[in-house]
Amino acid sequence: MLGLGPHASFIIGAYAVAFFALFALTVAIVADDRRQRRLLADLERQGITRRSAAKQRPAATPTVTRTAP
């Protein structure tokens, strides 16, 4: 069985659990993102805005520093 030796079932099971956990976390993150975006849209529709939207800061200009050779 794929040359995994006598512990093949344990190795495949460990990979299955890891993939399931990653899939579950991905689904949870996407669902939470959608819920947060919906909540933010509802608040903005009510006229409640973010504090950061009130004042637009100018984009920071990159600084160049030279080092001695």
PDB file of N, CA and C in Angstrom:
ATOM      1  N   MET A   1       0.841  -1.190   0.000  1.00  0.00           N
ATOM      2  CA  MET A   1       0.000   0.000   0.000  1.00  0.00           C
ATOM      3  C   MET A   1       0.877   1.241   0.000  1.00  0.00           C
ATOM      4  N   LEU A   2       1.226   1.707  -1.159  1.00  0.00           N
ATOM      5  CA  LEU A   2       2.048   2.888  -1.357  1.00  0.00           C
ATOM      6  C   LEU A   2       3.410   2.797  -0.676  1.00  0.00           C
ATOM      7  N   GLY A   3       3.810   1.647  -0.240  1.00  0.00           N
ATOM      8  CA  GLY A   3       5.110   1.477   0.396  1.00  0.00           C
ATOM      9  C   GLY A   3       5.227   2.161   1.742  1.00  0.00           C
ATOM     10  N   LEU A   4       4.155   2.265   2.483  1.00  0.00           N
ATOM     11  CA  LEU A   4       4.189   2.931   3.776  1.00  0.00           C
ATOM     12  C   LEU A   4       4.498   1.966   4.916  1.00  0.00           C
ATOM     13  N   GLY A   5       4.579   0.709   4.622  1.00  0.00           N
ATOM     14  CA  GLY A   5       4.929  -0.274   5.637  1.00  0.00           C
ATOM     15  C   GLY A   5       3.758  -0.661   6.507  1.00  0.00           C
ATOM     16  N   PRO A   6       4.073  -1.225   7.659  1.00  0.00           N
ATOM     17  CA  PRO A   6       3.010  -1.740   8.526  1.00  0.00           C
ATOM     18  C   PRO A   6       2.182  -0.654   9.211  1.00  0.00           C
ATOM     19  N   HIS A   7       2.645   0.588   9.144  1.00  0.00           N
ATOM     20  CA  HIS A   7       1.920   1.681   9.810  1.00  0.00           C
ATOM     21  C   HIS A   7       1.124   2.526   8.826  1.00  0.00           C
ATOM     22  N   ALA A   8       0.808   1.951   7.682  1.00  0.00           N
ATOM     23  CA  ALA A   8       0.115   2.698   6.630  1.00  0.00           C
ATOM     24  C   ALA A   8      -1.229   3.236   7.096  1.00  0.00           C
ATOM     25  N   SER A   9      -1.991   2.441   7.810  1.00  0.00           N
ATOM     26  CA  SER A   9      -3.315   2.909   8.250  1.00  0.00           C
ATOM     27  C   SER A   9      -3.190   4.093   9.203  1.00  0.00           C
ATOM     28  N   PHE A  10      -2.187   4.090  10.070  1.00  0.00           N
ATOM     29  CA  PHE A  10      -1.978   5.213  10.989  1.00  0.00           C
ATOM     30  C   PHE A  10      -1.579   6.476  10.215  1.00  0.00           C
ATOM     31  N   ILE A  11      -0.690   6.324   9.250  1.00  0.00           N
ATOM     32  CA  ILE A  11      -0.221   7.472   8.474  1.00  0.00           C
ATOM     33  C   ILE A  11      -1.358   8.067   7.656  1.00  0.00           C
ATOM     34  N   ILE A  12      -2.122   7.212   6.988  1.00  0.00           N
ATOM     35  CA  ILE A  12      -3.247   7.705   6.192  1.00  0.00           C
ATOM     36  C   ILE A  12      -4.301   8.341   7.087  1.00  0.00           C
ATOM     37  N   GLY A  13      -4.544   7.747   8.244  1.00  0.00           N
ATOM     38  CA  GLY A  13      -5.501   8.327   9.191  1.00  0.00           C
ATOM     39  C   GLY A  13      -5.053   9.691   9.693  1.00  0.00           C
ATOM     40  N   ALA A  14      -3.752   9.832   9.958  1.00  0.00           N
ATOM     41  CA  ALA A  14      -3.229  11.114  10.430  1.00  0.00           C
ATOM     42  C   ALA A  14      -3.391  12.190   9.359  1.00  0.00           C
ATOM     43  N   TYR A  15      -3.091  11.825   8.109  1.00  0.00           N
ATOM     44  CA  TYR A  15      -3.287  12.779   7.020  1.00  0.00           C
ATOM     45  C   TYR A  15      -4.768  13.127   6.863  1.00  0.00           C
ATOM     46  N   ALA A  16      -5.640  12.154   6.994  1.00  0.00           N
ATOM     47  CA  ALA A  16      -7.081  12.407   6.862  1.00  0.00           C
ATOM     48  C   ALA A  16      -7.570  13.372   7.940  1.00  0.00           C
ATOM     49  N   VAL A  17      -7.116  13.167   9.165  1.00  0.00           N
ATOM     50  CA  VAL A  17      -7.511  14.061  10.260  1.00  0.00           C
ATOM     51  C   VAL A  17      -6.975  15.472  10.014  1.00  0.00           C
ATOM     52  N   ALA A  18      -5.731  15.571   9.552  1.00  0.00           N
ATOM     53  CA  ALA A  18      -5.136  16.885   9.294  1.00  0.00           C
ATOM     54  C   ALA A  18      -5.886  17.605   8.178  1.00  0.00           C
ATOM     55  N   PHE A  19      -6.187  16.904   7.077  1.00  0.00           N
ATOM     56  CA  PHE A  19      -6.922  17.531   5.991  1.00  0.00           C
ATOM     57  C   PHE A  19      -8.326  17.929   6.423  1.00  0.00           C
ATOM     58  N   PHE A  20      -8.981  17.103   7.221  1.00  0.00           N
ATOM     59  CA  PHE A  20     -10.317  17.452   7.706  1.00  0.00           C
ATOM     60  C   PHE A  20     -10.257  18.697   8.594  1.00  0.00           C
ATOM     61  N   ALA A  21      -9.253  18.778   9.460  1.00  0.00           N
ATOM     62  CA  ALA A  21      -9.114  19.939  10.339  1.00  0.00           C
ATOM     63  C   ALA A  21      -8.870  21.208   9.524  1.00  0.00           C
ATOM     64  N   LEU A  22      -8.005  21.128   8.520  1.00  0.00           N
ATOM     65  CA  LEU A  22      -7.753  22.296   7.674  1.00  0.00           C
ATOM     66  C   LEU A  22      -9.002  22.705   6.901  1.00  0.00           C
ATOM     67  N   PHE A  23      -9.743  21.731   6.415  1.00  0.00           N
ATOM     68  CA  PHE A  23     -10.981  22.023   5.699  1.00  0.00           C
ATOM     69  C   PHE A  23     -11.994  22.693   6.633  1.00  0.00           C
ATOM     70  N   ALA A  24     -12.130  22.164   7.841  1.00  0.00           N
ATOM     71  CA  ALA A  24     -13.081  22.730   8.800  1.00  0.00           C
ATOM     72  C   ALA A  24     -12.684  24.159   9.179  1.00  0.00           C
ATOM     73  N   LEU A  25     -11.402  24.408   9.374  1.00  0.00           N
ATOM     74  CA  LEU A  25     -10.952  25.761   9.701  1.00  0.00           C
ATOM     75  C   LEU A  25     -11.201  26.724   8.535  1.00  0.00           C
ATOM     76  N   THR A  26     -10.967  26.260   7.328  1.00  0.00           N
ATOM     77  CA  THR A  26     -11.209  27.096   6.156  1.00  0.00           C
ATOM     78  C   THR A  26     -12.683  27.458   6.039  1.00  0.00           C
ATOM     79  N   VAL A  27     -13.548  26.489   6.232  1.00  0.00           N
ATOM     80  CA  VAL A  27     -14.992  26.748   6.169  1.00  0.00           C
ATOM     81  C   VAL A  27     -15.401  27.726   7.270  1.00  0.00           C
ATOM     82  N   ALA A  28     -14.865  27.556   8.467  1.00  0.00           N
ATOM     83  CA  ALA A  28     -15.203  28.446   9.579  1.00  0.00           C
ATOM     84  C   ALA A  28     -14.734  29.876   9.305  1.00  0.00           C
ATOM     85  N   ILE A  29     -13.550  30.021   8.742  1.00  0.00           N
ATOM     86  CA  ILE A  29     -13.015  31.351   8.457  1.00  0.00           C
ATOM     87  C   ILE A  29     -13.844  32.041   7.372  1.00  0.00           C
ATOM     88  N   VAL A  30     -14.193  31.317   6.324  1.00  0.00           N
ATOM     89  CA  VAL A  30     -14.997  31.903   5.245  1.00  0.00           C
ATOM     90  C   VAL A  30     -16.379  32.294   5.767  1.00  0.00           C
ATOM     91  N   ALA A  31     -16.982  31.443   6.578  1.00  0.00           N
ATOM     92  CA  ALA A  31     -18.301  31.758   7.138  1.00  0.00           C
ATOM     93  C   ALA A  31     -18.237  32.981   8.044  1.00  0.00           C
ATOM     94  N   ASP A  32     -17.185  33.077   8.864  1.00  0.00           N
ATOM     95  CA  ASP A  32     -17.030  34.230   9.751  1.00  0.00           C
ATOM     96  C   ASP A  32     -16.793  35.501   8.944  1.00  0.00           C
ATOM     97  N   ASP A  33     -16.006  35.416   7.875  1.00  0.00           N
ATOM     98  CA  ASP A  33     -15.763  36.578   7.025  1.00  0.00           C
ATOM     99  C   ASP A  33     -17.061  37.091   6.425  1.00  0.00           C
ATOM    100  N   ARG A  34     -17.870  36.177   5.924  1.00  0.00           N
ATOM    101  CA  ARG A  34     -19.159  36.581   5.340  1.00  0.00           C
ATOM    102  C   ARG A  34     -20.059  37.217   6.389  1.00  0.00           C
ATOM    103  N   ARG A  35     -20.072  36.633   7.589  1.00  0.00           N
ATOM    104  CA  ARG A  35     -20.904  37.183   8.662  1.00  0.00           C
ATOM    105  C   ARG A  35     -20.430  38.576   9.063  1.00  0.00           C
ATOM    106  N   GLN A  36     -19.110  38.776   9.174  1.00  0.00           N
ATOM    107  CA  GLN A  36     -18.574  40.081   9.557  1.00  0.00           C
ATOM    108  C   GLN A  36     -18.830  41.123   8.479  1.00  0.00           C
ATOM    109  N   ARG A  37     -18.688  40.741   7.218  1.00  0.00           N
ATOM    110  CA  ARG A  37     -18.957  41.689   6.134  1.00  0.00           C
ATOM    111  C   ARG A  37     -20.428  42.089   6.105  1.00  0.00           C
ATOM    112  N   ARG A  38     -21.316  41.117   6.356  1.00  0.00           N
ATOM    113  CA  ARG A  38     -22.750  41.411   6.398  1.00  0.00           C
ATOM    114  C   ARG A  38     -23.059  42.350   7.565  1.00  0.00           C
ATOM    115  N   LEU A  39     -22.454  42.121   8.714  1.00  0.00           N
ATOM    116  CA  LEU A  39     -22.658  42.980   9.879  1.00  0.00           C
ATOM    117  C   LEU A  39     -22.143  44.385   9.610  1.00  0.00           C
ATOM    118  N   LEU A  40     -20.969  44.494   8.996  1.00  0.00           N
ATOM    119  CA  LEU A  40     -20.418  45.807   8.674  1.00  0.00           C
ATOM    120  C   LEU A  40     -21.311  46.550   7.688  1.00  0.00           C
ATOM    121  N   ALA A  41     -21.823  45.849   6.694  1.00  0.00           N
ATOM    122  CA  ALA A  41     -22.718  46.481   5.721  1.00  0.00           C
ATOM    123  C   ALA A  41     -23.998  46.966   6.402  1.00  0.00           C
ATOM    124  N   ASP A  42     -24.531  46.186   7.326  1.00  0.00           N
ATOM    125  CA  ASP A  42     -25.734  46.601   8.060  1.00  0.00           C
ATOM    126  C   ASP A  42     -25.460  47.855   8.883  1.00  0.00           C
ATOM    127  N   LEU A  43     -24.312  47.905   9.543  1.00  0.00           N
ATOM    128  CA  LEU A  43     -23.965  49.080  10.343  1.00  0.00           C
ATOM    129  C   LEU A  43     -23.780  50.310   9.464  1.00  0.00           C
ATOM    130  N   GLU A  44     -23.112  50.136   8.329  1.00  0.00           N
ATOM    131  CA  GLU A  44     -22.920  51.273   7.437  1.00  0.00           C
ATOM    132  C   GLU A  44     -24.243  51.738   6.837  1.00  0.00           C
ATOM    133  N   ARG A  45     -25.165  50.818   6.596  1.00  0.00           N
ATOM    134  CA  ARG A  45     -26.486  51.181   6.094  1.00  0.00           C
ATOM    135  C   ARG A  45     -27.251  52.002   7.133  1.00  0.00           C
ATOM    136  N   GLN A  46     -26.985  51.760   8.420  1.00  0.00           N
ATOM    137  CA  GLN A  46     -27.624  52.511   9.495  1.00  0.00           C
ATOM    138  C   GLN A  46     -26.967  53.870   9.717  1.00  0.00           C
ATOM    139  N   GLY A  47     -25.853  54.113   9.026  1.00  0.00           N
ATOM    140  CA  GLY A  47     -25.166  55.391   9.172  1.00  0.00           C
ATOM    141  C   GLY A  47     -24.002  55.344  10.127  1.00  0.00           C
ATOM    142  N   ILE A  48     -23.722  54.199  10.675  1.00  0.00           N
ATOM    143  CA  ILE A  48     -22.592  54.048  11.589  1.00  0.00           C
ATOM    144  C   ILE A  48     -21.363  53.736  10.745  1.00  0.00           C
ATOM    145  N   THR A  49     -20.363  54.617  10.850  1.00  0.00           N
ATOM    146  CA  THR A  49     -19.169  54.432  10.037  1.00  0.00           C
ATOM    147  C   THR A  49     -17.973  54.098  10.925  1.00  0.00           C
ATOM    148  N   ARG A  50     -16.944  53.652  10.281  1.00  0.00           N
ATOM    149  CA  ARG A  50     -15.713  53.338  11.000  1.00  0.00           C
ATOM    150  C   ARG A  50     -14.963  54.613  11.318  1.00  0.00           C
ATOM    151  N   ARG A  51     -14.270  54.609  12.441  1.00  0.00           N
ATOM    152  CA  ARG A  51     -13.493  55.788  12.820  1.00  0.00           C
ATOM    153  C   ARG A  51     -12.410  56.074  11.803  1.00  0.00           C
ATOM    154  N   SER A  52     -11.825  55.038  11.234  1.00  0.00           N
ATOM    155  CA  SER A  52     -10.743  55.243  10.278  1.00  0.00           C
ATOM    156  C   SER A  52     -11.239  55.858   8.983  1.00  0.00           C
ATOM    157  N   ALA A  53     -12.531  55.759   8.685  1.00  0.00           N
ATOM    158  CA  ALA A  53     -13.073  56.325   7.453  1.00  0.00           C
ATOM    159  C   ALA A  53     -13.271  57.832   7.572  1.00  0.00           C
ATOM    160  N   ALA A  54     -13.293  58.373   8.786  1.00  0.00           N
ATOM    161  CA  ALA A  54     -13.559  59.785   8.995  1.00  0.00           C
ATOM    162  C   ALA A  54     -12.404  60.657   8.527  1.00  0.00           C
ATOM    163  N   LYS A  55     -11.206  60.210   8.722  1.00  0.00           N
ATOM    164  CA  LYS A  55     -10.060  61.024   8.330  1.00  0.00           C
ATOM    165  C   LYS A  55      -9.178  60.213   7.389  1.00  0.00           C
ATOM    166  N   GLN A  56      -8.978  60.769   6.244  1.00  0.00           N
ATOM    167  CA  GLN A  56      -8.145  60.114   5.245  1.00  0.00           C
ATOM    168  C   GLN A  56      -6.711  60.579   5.436  1.00  0.00           C
ATOM    169  N   ARG A  57      -5.844  59.652   5.723  1.00  0.00           N
ATOM    170  CA  ARG A  57      -4.436  59.990   5.882  1.00  0.00           C
ATOM    171  C   ARG A  57      -3.752  59.902   4.525  1.00  0.00           C
ATOM    172  N   PRO A  58      -2.814  60.810   4.282  1.00  0.00           N
ATOM    173  CA  PRO A  58      -2.071  60.691   3.027  1.00  0.00           C
ATOM    174  C   PRO A  58      -1.192  59.449   3.066  1.00  0.00           C
ATOM    175  N   ALA A  59      -0.983  58.899   1.895  1.00  0.00           N
ATOM    176  CA  ALA A  59      -0.157  57.696   1.825  1.00  0.00           C
ATOM    177  C   ALA A  59       1.265  58.033   2.259  1.00  0.00           C
ATOM    178  N   ALA A  60       1.836  57.167   3.021  1.00  0.00           N
ATOM    179  CA  ALA A  60       3.198  57.370   3.496  1.00  0.00           C
ATOM    180  C   ALA A  60       4.166  57.222   2.337  1.00  0.00           C
ATOM    181  N   THR A  61       5.084  58.144   2.260  1.00  0.00           N
ATOM    182  CA  THR A  61       6.079  58.055   1.197  1.00  0.00           C
ATOM    183  C   THR A  61       7.229  57.198   1.695  1.00  0.00           C
ATOM    184  N   PRO A  62       7.712  56.331   0.853  1.00  0.00           N
ATOM    185  CA  PRO A  62       8.813  55.464   1.280  1.00  0.00           C
ATOM    186  C   PRO A  62      10.093  56.294   1.438  1.00  0.00           C
ATOM    187  N   THR A  63      10.850  55.951   2.420  1.00  0.00           N
ATOM    188  CA  THR A  63      12.122  56.629   2.643  1.00  0.00           C
ATOM    189  C   THR A  63      13.248  55.712   2.198  1.00  0.00           C
ATOM    190  N   VAL A  64      14.258  56.317   1.626  1.00  0.00           N
ATOM    191  CA  VAL A  64      15.401  55.546   1.153  1.00  0.00           C
ATOM    192  C   VAL A  64      16.580  55.877   2.040  1.00  0.00           C
ATOM    193  N   THR A  65      17.172  54.871   2.584  1.00  0.00           N
ATOM    194  CA  THR A  65      18.366  55.081   3.396  1.00  0.00           C
ATOM    195  C   THR A  65      19.524  54.345   2.755  1.00  0.00           C
ATOM    196  N   ARG A  66      20.661  54.968   2.820  1.00  0.00           N
ATOM    197  CA  ARG A  66      21.853  54.355   2.258  1.00  0.00           C
ATOM    198  C   ARG A  66      22.759  53.904   3.377  1.00  0.00           C
ATOM    199  N   THR A  67      23.365  52.803   3.153  1.00  0.00           N
ATOM    200  CA  THR A  67      24.319  52.304   4.132  1.00  0.00           C
ATOM    201  C   THR A  67      25.719  52.421   3.539  1.00  0.00           C
ATOM    202  N   ALA A  68      26.667  52.650   4.407  1.00  0.00           N
ATOM    203  CA  ALA A  68      28.045  52.786   3.960  1.00  0.00           C
ATOM    204  C   ALA A  68      28.557  51.444   3.466  1.00  0.00           C
ATOM    205  N   PRO A  69      29.329  51.435   2.367  1.00  0.00           N
ATOM    206  CA  PRO A  69      29.823  50.149   1.841  1.00  0.00           C
ATOM    207  C   PRO A  69      30.861  49.498   2.714  1.00  0.00           C
TER     208      PRO A  69
END
